[in-house]
Amino acid sequence: MKISLAEYVDEVGQVKAADAIGVHQTAISKAIRVGRQIFINKLPTGEVKAVEYREFPHSKKQEHQK
């Protein structure tokens, strides 16, 4: 099943989402705040994978202009 990071955080909270993905809670907070297009795949094994979709080529300069 694929859902947005924001939806996943609504289900489990930022701390549990961060633990499942392997990042700090602050990274989850910032990703949601700046609107990064991150999606969560829940595998049948219970494992959680995060995937980010973004333009290619991508530069940090473009990101800050939004």
N, C-alpha and C. Protein backbone atom coordinates (compact mmCIF):
# COMPACT_ATOMS: atom_id res chain seq x y z
N MET A 1 0.85 -1.17 0.00
CA MET A 1 0.00 0.00 0.00
C MET A 1 0.90 1.24 0.00
N LYS A 2 0.56 2.24 -0.83
CA LYS A 2 1.35 3.48 -0.91
C LYS A 2 0.51 4.64 -0.41
N ILE A 3 1.04 5.37 0.58
CA ILE A 3 0.37 6.56 1.10
C ILE A 3 1.39 7.68 1.26
N SER A 4 0.92 8.90 1.39
CA SER A 4 1.84 10.03 1.57
C SER A 4 2.45 9.98 2.96
N LEU A 5 3.58 10.63 3.11
CA LEU A 5 4.24 10.71 4.42
C LEU A 5 3.31 11.36 5.43
N ALA A 6 2.61 12.41 5.03
CA ALA A 6 1.70 13.10 5.95
C ALA A 6 0.60 12.17 6.44
N GLU A 7 0.06 11.35 5.55
CA GLU A 7 -0.98 10.40 5.95
C GLU A 7 -0.42 9.36 6.93
N TYR A 8 0.78 8.89 6.64
CA TYR A 8 1.42 7.90 7.52
C TYR A 8 1.65 8.49 8.91
N VAL A 9 2.11 9.74 8.95
CA VAL A 9 2.34 10.41 10.23
C VAL A 9 1.02 10.60 10.98
N ASP A 10 -0.05 10.88 10.27
CA ASP A 10 -1.36 10.99 10.92
C ASP A 10 -1.74 9.67 11.59
N GLU A 11 -1.35 8.55 10.98
CA GLU A 11 -1.68 7.22 11.52
C GLU A 11 -0.83 6.85 12.74
N VAL A 12 0.50 7.08 12.63
CA VAL A 12 1.41 6.54 13.65
C VAL A 12 2.16 7.59 14.46
N GLY A 13 2.16 8.84 14.02
CA GLY A 13 2.91 9.90 14.68
C GLY A 13 4.30 10.06 14.11
N GLN A 14 4.90 11.22 14.36
CA GLN A 14 6.21 11.53 13.78
C GLN A 14 7.32 10.65 14.33
N VAL A 15 7.31 10.36 15.61
CA VAL A 15 8.39 9.58 16.22
C VAL A 15 8.40 8.16 15.67
N LYS A 16 7.25 7.51 15.63
CA LYS A 16 7.18 6.13 15.11
C LYS A 16 7.49 6.10 13.62
N ALA A 17 7.03 7.11 12.88
CA ALA A 17 7.33 7.18 11.45
C ALA A 17 8.84 7.30 11.23
N ALA A 18 9.47 8.16 12.01
CA ALA A 18 10.92 8.35 11.89
C ALA A 18 11.66 7.06 12.20
N ASP A 19 11.27 6.36 13.26
CA ASP A 19 11.91 5.09 13.62
C ASP A 19 11.75 4.07 12.50
N ALA A 20 10.55 3.99 11.92
CA ALA A 20 10.28 3.01 10.87
C ALA A 20 11.10 3.28 9.61
N ILE A 21 11.32 4.56 9.31
CA ILE A 21 12.04 4.94 8.10
C ILE A 21 13.55 4.98 8.33
N GLY A 22 13.95 5.23 9.57
CA GLY A 22 15.37 5.29 9.89
C GLY A 22 15.95 6.69 9.84
N VAL A 23 15.13 7.69 10.19
CA VAL A 23 15.59 9.08 10.24
C VAL A 23 15.19 9.68 11.58
N HIS A 24 15.62 10.91 11.82
CA HIS A 24 15.23 11.62 13.04
C HIS A 24 13.83 12.21 12.88
N GLN A 25 13.16 12.41 13.98
CA GLN A 25 11.82 13.01 13.97
C GLN A 25 11.84 14.38 13.32
N THR A 26 12.92 15.13 13.52
CA THR A 26 13.01 16.47 12.94
C THR A 26 13.01 16.43 11.41
N ALA A 27 13.58 15.37 10.83
CA ALA A 27 13.58 15.23 9.37
C ALA A 27 12.16 15.00 8.85
N ILE A 28 11.37 14.25 9.60
CA ILE A 28 9.97 14.02 9.23
C ILE A 28 9.21 15.34 9.27
N SER A 29 9.39 16.08 10.35
CA SER A 29 8.71 17.36 10.52
C SER A 29 9.03 18.32 9.38
N LYS A 30 10.31 18.44 9.06
CA LYS A 30 10.73 19.37 8.01
C LYS A 30 10.22 18.92 6.64
N ALA A 31 10.28 17.63 6.36
CA ALA A 31 9.83 17.12 5.06
C ALA A 31 8.36 17.45 4.84
N ILE A 32 7.56 17.30 5.88
CA ILE A 32 6.13 17.62 5.76
C ILE A 32 5.94 19.13 5.64
N ARG A 33 6.67 19.89 6.45
CA ARG A 33 6.52 21.35 6.46
C ARG A 33 6.85 21.97 5.11
N VAL A 34 7.90 21.49 4.44
CA VAL A 34 8.30 22.09 3.17
C VAL A 34 7.61 21.46 1.97
N GLY A 35 6.80 20.43 2.23
CA GLY A 35 6.00 19.85 1.16
C GLY A 35 6.72 18.88 0.24
N ARG A 36 7.72 18.18 0.76
CA ARG A 36 8.41 17.19 -0.07
C ARG A 36 7.45 16.06 -0.44
N GLN A 37 7.59 15.56 -1.65
CA GLN A 37 6.70 14.51 -2.15
C GLN A 37 7.26 13.14 -1.77
N ILE A 38 7.03 12.76 -0.53
CA ILE A 38 7.53 11.49 -0.01
C ILE A 38 6.34 10.57 0.21
N PHE A 39 6.49 9.35 -0.27
CA PHE A 39 5.43 8.36 -0.15
C PHE A 39 5.95 7.13 0.59
N ILE A 40 5.07 6.52 1.35
CA ILE A 40 5.41 5.36 2.17
C ILE A 40 4.81 4.12 1.53
N ASN A 41 5.65 3.10 1.38
CA ASN A 41 5.19 1.79 0.94
C ASN A 41 5.20 0.86 2.13
N LYS A 42 4.04 0.34 2.49
CA LYS A 42 3.95 -0.65 3.56
C LYS A 42 3.98 -2.03 2.90
N LEU A 43 5.03 -2.79 3.19
CA LEU A 43 5.19 -4.10 2.60
C LEU A 43 4.42 -5.15 3.40
N PRO A 44 4.07 -6.28 2.77
CA PRO A 44 3.34 -7.33 3.47
C PRO A 44 4.08 -7.86 4.71
N THR A 45 5.39 -7.72 4.72
CA THR A 45 6.20 -8.18 5.86
C THR A 45 6.10 -7.23 7.05
N GLY A 46 5.47 -6.07 6.84
CA GLY A 46 5.37 -5.07 7.89
C GLY A 46 6.45 -4.01 7.78
N GLU A 47 7.41 -4.24 6.89
CA GLU A 47 8.49 -3.27 6.66
C GLU A 47 7.94 -2.02 5.97
N VAL A 48 8.58 -0.90 6.25
CA VAL A 48 8.15 0.38 5.69
C VAL A 48 9.30 0.95 4.85
N LYS A 49 8.99 1.37 3.63
CA LYS A 49 9.97 1.99 2.74
C LYS A 49 9.46 3.36 2.34
N ALA A 50 10.35 4.33 2.29
CA ALA A 50 9.99 5.69 1.88
C ALA A 50 10.62 5.99 0.52
N VAL A 51 9.84 6.62 -0.35
CA VAL A 51 10.30 6.99 -1.68
C VAL A 51 9.94 8.44 -1.92
N GLU A 52 10.90 9.20 -2.45
CA GLU A 52 10.64 10.61 -2.77
C GLU A 52 10.61 10.79 -4.27
N TYR A 53 9.60 11.51 -4.75
CA TYR A 53 9.49 11.85 -6.17
C TYR A 53 9.86 13.31 -6.34
N ARG A 54 10.79 13.58 -7.28
CA ARG A 54 11.15 14.96 -7.57
C ARG A 54 11.69 15.08 -8.98
N GLU A 55 11.72 16.31 -9.46
CA GLU A 55 12.15 16.58 -10.83
C GLU A 55 13.61 16.19 -11.03
N PHE A 56 13.93 15.86 -12.29
CA PHE A 56 15.31 15.60 -12.66
C PHE A 56 15.59 16.43 -13.89
N PRO A 57 16.66 17.15 -13.99
CA PRO A 57 17.61 17.38 -12.89
C PRO A 57 17.00 18.29 -11.83
N HIS A 58 17.52 18.16 -10.66
CA HIS A 58 17.01 18.92 -9.52
C HIS A 58 18.16 19.67 -8.88
N SER A 59 17.95 20.93 -8.59
CA SER A 59 18.98 21.69 -7.88
C SER A 59 18.36 22.28 -6.62
N LYS A 60 19.18 22.49 -5.63
CA LYS A 60 18.69 23.07 -4.39
C LYS A 60 18.15 24.48 -4.63
N LYS A 61 18.69 25.18 -5.60
CA LYS A 61 18.23 26.53 -5.90
C LYS A 61 16.75 26.53 -6.27
N GLN A 62 16.31 25.55 -7.08
CA GLN A 62 14.91 25.45 -7.46
C GLN A 62 14.04 25.21 -6.24
N GLU A 63 14.50 24.39 -5.31
CA GLU A 63 13.73 24.05 -4.11
C GLU A 63 13.47 25.28 -3.26
N HIS A 64 14.46 26.16 -3.12
CA HIS A 64 14.31 27.33 -2.27
C HIS A 64 13.44 28.41 -2.90
N GLN A 65 13.23 28.36 -4.21
CA GLN A 65 12.41 29.36 -4.88
C GLN A 65 10.93 29.10 -4.69
N LYS A 66 10.54 27.92 -4.24
CA LYS A 66 9.12 27.58 -4.08
C LYS A 66 8.49 28.30 -2.95
